[in-house]
PDB file of N, CA and C in Angstrom:
ATOM      1  N   MET A   1     100.455  46.161 123.206  1.00  0.00           N
ATOM      2  CA  MET A   1      99.693  45.847 124.408  1.00  0.00           C
ATOM      3  C   MET A   1      98.405  46.680 124.421  1.00  0.00           C
ATOM      4  N   LEU A   2      97.339  46.072 124.849  1.00  0.00           N
ATOM      5  CA  LEU A   2      96.032  46.704 124.893  1.00  0.00           C
ATOM      6  C   LEU A   2      95.964  47.696 126.046  1.00  0.00           C
ATOM      7  N   GLU A   3      95.448  48.883 125.780  1.00  0.00           N
ATOM      8  CA  GLU A   3      95.388  49.948 126.783  1.00  0.00           C
ATOM      9  C   GLU A   3      93.944  50.232 127.208  1.00  0.00           C
ATOM     10  N   GLU A   4      93.095  49.229 127.230  1.00  0.00           N
ATOM     11  CA  GLU A   4      91.691  49.427 127.590  1.00  0.00           C
ATOM     12  C   GLU A   4      91.405  48.766 128.931  1.00  0.00           C
ATOM     13  N   THR A   5      90.373  49.275 129.616  1.00  0.00           N
ATOM     14  CA  THR A   5      89.964  48.662 130.872  1.00  0.00           C
ATOM     15  C   THR A   5      89.132  47.421 130.587  1.00  0.00           C
ATOM     16  N   GLU A   6      89.019  46.586 131.580  1.00  0.00           N
ATOM     17  CA  GLU A   6      88.214  45.373 131.440  1.00  0.00           C
ATOM     18  C   GLU A   6      86.768  45.704 131.073  1.00  0.00           C
ATOM     19  N   ALA A   7      86.208  46.735 131.684  1.00  0.00           N
ATOM     20  CA  ALA A   7      84.821  47.126 131.392  1.00  0.00           C
ATOM     21  C   ALA A   7      84.670  47.572 129.943  1.00  0.00           C
ATOM     22  N   THR A   8      85.651  48.293 129.424  1.00  0.00           N
ATOM     23  CA  THR A   8      85.597  48.742 128.040  1.00  0.00           C
ATOM     24  C   THR A   8      85.691  47.565 127.079  1.00  0.00           C
ATOM     25  N   ILE A   9      86.563  46.627 127.399  1.00  0.00           N
ATOM     26  CA  ILE A   9      86.693  45.434 126.551  1.00  0.00           C
ATOM     27  C   ILE A   9      85.389  44.646 126.580  1.00  0.00           C
ATOM     28  N   ASP A  10      84.815  44.461 127.777  1.00  0.00           N
ATOM     29  CA  ASP A  10      83.529  43.763 127.895  1.00  0.00           C
ATOM     30  C   ASP A  10      82.481  44.433 127.008  1.00  0.00           C
ATOM     31  N   LYS A  11      82.442  45.753 127.035  1.00  0.00           N
ATOM     32  CA  LYS A  11      81.446  46.486 126.244  1.00  0.00           C
ATOM     33  C   LYS A  11      81.672  46.271 124.747  1.00  0.00           C
ATOM     34  N   ARG A  12      82.915  46.340 124.308  1.00  0.00           N
ATOM     35  CA  ARG A  12      83.212  46.129 122.887  1.00  0.00           C
ATOM     36  C   ARG A  12      82.861  44.706 122.462  1.00  0.00           C
ATOM     37  N   VAL A  13      83.168  43.734 123.317  1.00  0.00           N
ATOM     38  CA  VAL A  13      82.827  42.341 123.015  1.00  0.00           C
ATOM     39  C   VAL A  13      81.312  42.191 122.930  1.00  0.00           C
ATOM     40  N   ALA A  14      80.580  42.789 123.860  1.00  0.00           N
ATOM     41  CA  ALA A  14      79.116  42.723 123.841  1.00  0.00           C
ATOM     42  C   ALA A  14      78.551  43.321 122.560  1.00  0.00           C
ATOM     43  N   GLU A  15      79.143  44.409 122.085  1.00  0.00           N
ATOM     44  CA  GLU A  15      78.684  45.029 120.843  1.00  0.00           C
ATOM     45  C   GLU A  15      78.925  44.112 119.640  1.00  0.00           C
ATOM     46  N   ILE A  16      80.058  43.443 119.630  1.00  0.00           N
ATOM     47  CA  ILE A  16      80.352  42.495 118.549  1.00  0.00           C
ATOM     48  C   ILE A  16      79.354  41.343 118.574  1.00  0.00           C
ATOM     49  N   ILE A  17      79.092  40.823 119.759  1.00  0.00           N
ATOM     50  CA  ILE A  17      78.145  39.716 119.901  1.00  0.00           C
ATOM     51  C   ILE A  17      76.752  40.148 119.465  1.00  0.00           C
ATOM     52  N   ALA A  18      76.375  41.371 119.779  1.00  0.00           N
ATOM     53  CA  ALA A  18      75.053  41.879 119.384  1.00  0.00           C
ATOM     54  C   ALA A  18      74.874  41.824 117.875  1.00  0.00           C
ATOM     55  N   ARG A  19      75.942  42.100 117.147  1.00  0.00           N
ATOM     56  CA  ARG A  19      75.856  42.050 115.680  1.00  0.00           C
ATOM     57  C   ARG A  19      75.760  40.614 115.172  1.00  0.00           C
ATOM     58  N   LEU A  20      76.252  39.672 115.953  1.00  0.00           N
ATOM     59  CA  LEU A  20      76.285  38.276 115.507  1.00  0.00           C
ATOM     60  C   LEU A  20      75.052  37.473 115.901  1.00  0.00           C
ATOM     61  N   LEU A  21      74.352  37.924 116.917  1.00  0.00           N
ATOM     62  CA  LEU A  21      73.183  37.176 117.393  1.00  0.00           C
ATOM     63  C   LEU A  21      72.020  37.289 116.414  1.00  0.00           C
ATOM     64  N   PRO A  22      71.352  36.167 116.172  1.00  0.00           N
ATOM     65  CA  PRO A  22      70.193  36.212 115.289  1.00  0.00           C
ATOM     66  C   PRO A  22      69.079  37.106 115.844  1.00  0.00           C
ATOM     67  N   ASN A  23      68.919  37.120 117.152  1.00  0.00           N
ATOM     68  CA  ASN A  23      67.916  37.954 117.815  1.00  0.00           C
ATOM     69  C   ASN A  23      68.650  39.073 118.534  1.00  0.00           C
ATOM     70  N   ARG A  24      68.991  40.132 117.840  1.00  0.00           N
ATOM     71  CA  ARG A  24      69.862  41.176 118.364  1.00  0.00           C
ATOM     72  C   ARG A  24      69.315  41.878 119.599  1.00  0.00           C
ATOM     73  N   GLY A  25      68.034  41.920 119.762  1.00  0.00           N
ATOM     74  CA  GLY A  25      67.461  42.566 120.933  1.00  0.00           C
ATOM     75  C   GLY A  25      67.802  41.860 122.226  1.00  0.00           C
ATOM     76  N   HIS A  26      68.142  40.592 122.132  1.00  0.00           N
ATOM     77  CA  HIS A  26      68.442  39.798 123.328  1.00  0.00           C
ATOM     78  C   HIS A  26      69.742  40.229 123.999  1.00  0.00           C
ATOM     79  N   VAL A  27      70.643  40.850 123.271  1.00  0.00           N
ATOM     80  CA  VAL A  27      71.957  41.171 123.830  1.00  0.00           C
ATOM     81  C   VAL A  27      71.880  42.092 125.043  1.00  0.00           C
ATOM     82  N   ASP A  28      70.854  42.917 125.126  1.00  0.00           N
ATOM     83  CA  ASP A  28      70.718  43.808 126.270  1.00  0.00           C
ATOM     84  C   ASP A  28      70.534  43.035 127.569  1.00  0.00           C
ATOM     85  N   ARG A  29      70.105  41.802 127.469  1.00  0.00           N
ATOM     86  CA  ARG A  29      69.864  41.004 128.661  1.00  0.00           C
ATOM     87  C   ARG A  29      70.986  40.031 128.960  1.00  0.00           C
ATOM     88  N   ILE A  30      72.056  40.074 128.201  1.00  0.00           N
ATOM     89  CA  ILE A  30      73.170  39.168 128.436  1.00  0.00           C
ATOM     90  C   ILE A  30      74.080  39.766 129.497  1.00  0.00           C
ATOM     91  N   SER A  31      74.260  39.023 130.578  1.00  0.00           N
ATOM     92  CA  SER A  31      75.223  39.484 131.584  1.00  0.00           C
ATOM     93  C   SER A  31      76.617  39.085 131.117  1.00  0.00           C
ATOM     94  N   ASN A  32      77.610  39.674 131.698  1.00  0.00           N
ATOM     95  CA  ASN A  32      78.986  39.401 131.290  1.00  0.00           C
ATOM     96  C   ASN A  32      79.407  37.956 131.542  1.00  0.00           C
ATOM     97  N   ASP A  33      78.692  37.253 132.410  1.00  0.00           N
ATOM     98  CA  ASP A  33      79.041  35.871 132.718  1.00  0.00           C
ATOM     99  C   ASP A  33      78.043  34.845 132.185  1.00  0.00           C
ATOM    100  N   GLU A  34      77.021  35.297 131.485  1.00  0.00           N
ATOM    101  CA  GLU A  34      76.032  34.380 130.912  1.00  0.00           C
ATOM    102  C   GLU A  34      76.651  33.587 129.763  1.00  0.00           C
ATOM    103  N   PRO A  35      76.402  32.277 129.711  1.00  0.00           N
ATOM    104  CA  PRO A  35      76.919  31.491 128.586  1.00  0.00           C
ATOM    105  C   PRO A  35      76.375  32.018 127.253  1.00  0.00           C
ATOM    106  N   LEU A  36      77.276  32.239 126.323  1.00  0.00           N
ATOM    107  CA  LEU A  36      76.880  32.799 125.032  1.00  0.00           C
ATOM    108  C   LEU A  36      75.983  31.856 124.251  1.00  0.00           C
ATOM    109  N   THR A  37      76.123  30.558 124.489  1.00  0.00           N
ATOM    110  CA  THR A  37      75.246  29.609 123.800  1.00  0.00           C
ATOM    111  C   THR A  37      73.800  29.791 124.260  1.00  0.00           C
ATOM    112  N   GLU A  38      73.617  30.129 125.526  1.00  0.00           N
ATOM    113  CA  GLU A  38      72.265  30.388 126.035  1.00  0.00           C
ATOM    114  C   GLU A  38      71.698  31.684 125.460  1.00  0.00           C
ATOM    115  N   ALA A  39      72.573  32.579 125.066  1.00  0.00           N
ATOM    116  CA  ALA A  39      72.145  33.844 124.467  1.00  0.00           C
ATOM    117  C   ALA A  39      71.812  33.683 122.992  1.00  0.00           C
ATOM    118  N   GLY A  40      72.110  32.516 122.422  1.00  0.00           N
ATOM    119  CA  GLY A  40      71.753  32.261 121.033  1.00  0.00           C
ATOM    120  C   GLY A  40      72.914  32.169 120.067  1.00  0.00           C
ATOM    121  N   LEU A  41      74.133  32.242 120.569  1.00  0.00           N
ATOM    122  CA  LEU A  41      75.293  32.156 119.684  1.00  0.00           C
ATOM    123  C   LEU A  41      75.579  30.685 119.384  1.00  0.00           C
ATOM    124  N   ASP A  42      75.528  30.322 118.100  1.00  0.00           N
ATOM    125  CA  ASP A  42      75.770  28.939 117.701  1.00  0.00           C
ATOM    126  C   ASP A  42      77.222  28.766 117.259  1.00  0.00           C
ATOM    127  N   SER A  43      77.562  27.585 116.746  1.00  0.00           N
ATOM    128  CA  SER A  43      78.949  27.300 116.380  1.00  0.00           C
ATOM    129  C   SER A  43      79.450  28.218 115.266  1.00  0.00           C
ATOM    130  N   MET A  44      78.625  28.509 114.289  1.00  0.00           N
ATOM    131  CA  MET A  44      79.033  29.433 113.230  1.00  0.00           C
ATOM    132  C   MET A  44      79.220  30.837 113.804  1.00  0.00           C
ATOM    133  N   GLY A  45      78.371  31.211 114.725  1.00  0.00           N
ATOM    134  CA  GLY A  45      78.515  32.497 115.390  1.00  0.00           C
ATOM    135  C   GLY A  45      79.810  32.586 116.179  1.00  0.00           C
ATOM    136  N   MET A  46      80.212  31.470 116.788  1.00  0.00           N
ATOM    137  CA  MET A  46      81.474  31.437 117.535  1.00  0.00           C
ATOM    138  C   MET A  46      82.661  31.660 116.602  1.00  0.00           C
ATOM    139  N   VAL A  47      82.626  31.034 115.430  1.00  0.00           N
ATOM    140  CA  VAL A  47      83.698  31.234 114.452  1.00  0.00           C
ATOM    141  C   VAL A  47      83.730  32.698 114.016  1.00  0.00           C
ATOM    142  N   ASN A  48      82.567  33.243 113.738  1.00  0.00           N
ATOM    143  CA  ASN A  48      82.500  34.660 113.349  1.00  0.00           C
ATOM    144  C   ASN A  48      82.957  35.564 114.489  1.00  0.00           C
ATOM    145  N   LEU A  49      82.630  35.192 115.719  1.00  0.00           N
ATOM    146  CA  LEU A  49      83.083  35.964 116.879  1.00  0.00           C
ATOM    147  C   LEU A  49      84.611  35.960 116.943  1.00  0.00           C
ATOM    148  N   LEU A  50      85.211  34.816 116.762  1.00  0.00           N
ATOM    149  CA  LEU A  50      86.676  34.718 116.755  1.00  0.00           C
ATOM    150  C   LEU A  50      87.274  35.660 115.711  1.00  0.00           C
ATOM    151  N   LEU A  51      86.743  35.611 114.502  1.00  0.00           N
ATOM    152  CA  LEU A  51      87.254  36.462 113.426  1.00  0.00           C
ATOM    153  C   LEU A  51      87.059  37.950 113.724  1.00  0.00           C
ATOM    154  N   GLU A  52      85.890  38.294 114.245  1.00  0.00           N
ATOM    155  CA  GLU A  52      85.602  39.692 114.580  1.00  0.00           C
ATOM    156  C   GLU A  52      86.501  40.194 115.710  1.00  0.00           C
ATOM    157  N   ILE A  53      86.732  39.346 116.703  1.00  0.00           N
ATOM    158  CA  ILE A  53      87.595  39.721 117.828  1.00  0.00           C
ATOM    159  C   ILE A  53      89.010  39.985 117.325  1.00  0.00           C
ATOM    160  N   GLU A  54      89.515  39.079 116.499  1.00  0.00           N
ATOM    161  CA  GLU A  54      90.870  39.262 115.971  1.00  0.00           C
ATOM    162  C   GLU A  54      90.978  40.560 115.170  1.00  0.00           C
ATOM    163  N   ALA A  55      89.995  40.828 114.340  1.00  0.00           N
ATOM    164  CA  ALA A  55      90.026  42.041 113.517  1.00  0.00           C
ATOM    165  C   ALA A  55      89.836  43.308 114.360  1.00  0.00           C
ATOM    166  N   SER A  56      88.888  43.298 115.259  1.00  0.00           N
ATOM    167  CA  SER A  56      88.566  44.492 116.051  1.00  0.00           C
ATOM    168  C   SER A  56      89.663  44.870 117.033  1.00  0.00           C
ATOM    169  N   PHE A  57      90.342  43.874 117.586  1.00  0.00           N
ATOM    170  CA  PHE A  57      91.372  44.139 118.590  1.00  0.00           C
ATOM    171  C   PHE A  57      92.780  44.011 118.025  1.00  0.00           C
ATOM    172  N   ASN A  58      92.856  43.739 116.719  1.00  0.00           N
ATOM    173  CA  ASN A  58      94.150  43.611 116.044  1.00  0.00           C
ATOM    174  C   ASN A  58      95.066  42.609 116.750  1.00  0.00           C
ATOM    175  N   ILE A  59      94.504  41.418 116.997  1.00  0.00           N
ATOM    176  CA  ILE A  59      95.261  40.354 117.647  1.00  0.00           C
ATOM    177  C   ILE A  59      95.087  39.069 116.841  1.00  0.00           C
ATOM    178  N   SER A  60      95.938  38.110 117.122  1.00  0.00           N
ATOM    179  CA  SER A  60      95.821  36.785 116.534  1.00  0.00           C
ATOM    180  C   SER A  60      95.750  35.797 117.689  1.00  0.00           C
ATOM    181  N   ILE A  61      94.629  35.124 117.792  1.00  0.00           N
ATOM    182  CA  ILE A  61      94.433  34.188 118.897  1.00  0.00           C
ATOM    183  C   ILE A  61      95.036  32.840 118.500  1.00  0.00           C
ATOM    184  N   PRO A  62      96.001  32.350 119.280  1.00  0.00           N
ATOM    185  CA  PRO A  62      96.622  31.063 118.963  1.00  0.00           C
ATOM    186  C   PRO A  62      95.589  29.930 119.006  1.00  0.00           C
ATOM    187  N   PRO A  63      95.701  28.974 118.086  1.00  0.00           N
ATOM    188  CA  PRO A  63      94.737  27.870 118.049  1.00  0.00           C
ATOM    189  C   PRO A  63      94.567  27.148 119.388  1.00  0.00           C
ATOM    190  N   ARG A  64      95.626  27.029 120.164  1.00  0.00           N
ATOM    191  CA  ARG A  64      95.532  26.326 121.451  1.00  0.00           C
ATOM    192  C   ARG A  64      94.615  27.040 122.449  1.00  0.00           C
ATOM    193  N   LEU A  65      94.347  28.335 122.207  1.00  0.00           N
ATOM    194  CA  LEU A  65      93.462  29.096 123.092  1.00  0.00           C
ATOM    195  C   LEU A  65      92.023  29.161 122.587  1.00  0.00           C
ATOM    196  N   VAL A  66      91.781  28.599 121.425  1.00  0.00           N
ATOM    197  CA  VAL A  66      90.430  28.580 120.862  1.00  0.00           C
ATOM    198  C   VAL A  66      89.714  27.359 121.437  1.00  0.00           C
ATOM    199  N   THR A  67      89.138  27.569 122.607  1.00  0.00           N
ATOM    200  CA  THR A  67      88.451  26.508 123.336  1.00  0.00           C
ATOM    201  C   THR A  67      87.066  26.993 123.750  1.00  0.00           C
ATOM    202  N   PRO A  68      86.157  26.069 124.035  1.00  0.00           N
ATOM    203  CA  PRO A  68      84.832  26.492 124.520  1.00  0.00           C
ATOM    204  C   PRO A  68      84.921  27.369 125.772  1.00  0.00           C
ATOM    205  N   LYS A  69      85.872  27.069 126.640  1.00  0.00           N
ATOM    206  CA  LYS A  69      86.031  27.855 127.865  1.00  0.00           C
ATOM    207  C   LYS A  69      86.386  29.307 127.553  1.00  0.00           C
ATOM    208  N   SER A  70      87.230  29.525 126.553  1.00  0.00           N
ATOM    209  CA  SER A  70      87.644  30.880 126.186  1.00  0.00           C
ATOM    210  C   SER A  70      86.500  31.714 125.619  1.00  0.00           C
ATOM    211  N   PHE A  71      85.512  31.029 125.031  1.00  0.00           N
ATOM    212  CA  PHE A  71      84.402  31.721 124.379  1.00  0.00           C
ATOM    213  C   PHE A  71      83.070  31.451 125.089  1.00  0.00           C
ATOM    214  N   ARG A  72      83.138  31.162 126.370  1.00  0.00           N
ATOM    215  CA  ARG A  72      81.953  30.827 127.139  1.00  0.00           C
ATOM    216  C   ARG A  72      81.044  32.040 127.371  1.00  0.00           C
ATOM    217  N   SER A  73      81.641  33.193 127.669  1.00  0.00           N
ATOM    218  CA  SER A  73      80.861  34.379 128.032  1.00  0.00           C
ATOM    219  C   SER A  73      81.581  35.645 127.561  1.00  0.00           C
ATOM    220  N   ILE A  74      80.910  36.753 127.701  1.00  0.00           N
ATOM    221  CA  ILE A  74      81.523  38.033 127.355  1.00  0.00           C
ATOM    222  C   ILE A  74      82.800  38.221 128.165  1.00  0.00           C
ATOM    223  N   HIS A  75      82.711  37.945 129.453  1.00  0.00           N
ATOM    224  CA  HIS A  75      83.866  38.158 130.321  1.00  0.00           C
ATOM    225  C   HIS A  75      85.019  37.202 129.985  1.00  0.00           C
ATOM    226  N   SER A  76      84.724  35.950 129.642  1.00  0.00           N
ATOM    227  CA  SER A  76      85.808  35.026 129.296  1.00  0.00           C
ATOM    228  C   SER A  76      86.485  35.442 127.993  1.00  0.00           C
ATOM    229  N   VAL A  77      85.726  35.966 127.045  1.00  0.00           N
ATOM    230  CA  VAL A  77      86.312  36.473 125.800  1.00  0.00           C
ATOM    231  C   VAL A  77      87.192  37.677 126.114  1.00  0.00           C
ATOM    232  N   SER A  78      86.745  38.536 127.003  1.00  0.00           N
ATOM    233  CA  SER A  78      87.542  39.701 127.395  1.00  0.00           C
ATOM    234  C   SER A  78      88.865  39.292 128.038  1.00  0.00           C
ATOM    235  N   ARG A  79      88.804  38.302 128.908  1.00  0.00           N
ATOM    236  CA  ARG A  79      90.041  37.807 129.542  1.00  0.00           C
ATOM    237  C   ARG A  79      90.977  37.223 128.494  1.00  0.00           C
ATOM    238  N   LEU A  80      90.421  36.530 127.509  1.00  0.00           N
ATOM    239  CA  LEU A  80      91.226  35.983 126.413  1.00  0.00           C
ATOM    240  C   LEU A  80      91.924  37.110 125.657  1.00  0.00           C
ATOM    241  N   ILE A  81      91.190  38.154 125.337  1.00  0.00           N
ATOM    242  CA  ILE A  81      91.744  39.299 124.620  1.00  0.00           C
ATOM    243  C   ILE A  81      92.875  39.921 125.418  1.00  0.00           C
ATOM    244  N   GLU A  82      92.661  40.129 126.712  1.00  0.00           N
ATOM    245  CA  GLU A  82      93.695  40.708 127.558  1.00  0.00           C
ATOM    246  C   GLU A  82      94.938  39.822 127.595  1.00  0.00           C
ATOM    247  N   SER A  83      94.742  38.529 127.716  1.00  0.00           N
ATOM    248  CA  SER A  83      95.846  37.578 127.772  1.00  0.00           C
ATOM    249  C   SER A  83      96.666  37.593 126.486  1.00  0.00           C
ATOM    250  N   VAL A  84      95.989  37.546 125.350  1.00  0.00           N
ATOM    251  CA  VAL A  84      96.679  37.538 124.051  1.00  0.00           C
ATOM    252  C   VAL A  84      97.369  38.883 123.824  1.00  0.00           C
ATOM    253  N   SER A  85      96.726  39.963 124.222  1.00  0.00           N
ATOM    254  CA  SER A  85      97.295  41.299 124.020  1.00  0.00           C
ATOM    255  C   SER A  85      98.569  41.497 124.822  1.00  0.00           C
ATOM    256  N   GLN A  86      98.649  40.917 125.993  1.00  0.00           N
ATOM    257  CA  GLN A  86      99.835  41.054 126.839  1.00  0.00           C
ATOM    258  C   GLN A  86     101.028  40.301 126.274  1.00  0.00           C
ATOM    259  N   ARG A  87     100.762  39.323 125.432  1.00  0.00           N
ATOM    260  CA  ARG A  87     101.839  38.523 124.851  1.00  0.00           C
ATOM    261  C   ARG A  87     102.465  39.175 123.626  1.00  0.00           C
ATOM    262  N   THR A  88     101.788  40.165 123.068  1.00  0.00           N
ATOM    263  CA  THR A  88     102.315  40.784 121.847  1.00  0.00           C
ATOM    264  C   THR A  88     103.066  42.050 122.135  1.00  0.00           C
TER     265      THR A  88
END
């Protein structure tokens, strides 16, 4: 089970996204609820985000949870991580 606060998870997710964005300087302006597609994350970036999240948080996200809604924003990714972590 994950022992991090929601704010800490949000921060870690934001850092991962910053590495994946083509324009890395833009990440400072991404709010936790801003759509990641508007921030510049494309479909390949979403796949890389999934892989990075699984590796960084040592979780395996079930295919049924890999939906656009789950990867809409920093906060939605954080909620996904918390949900998957509670199941393990």
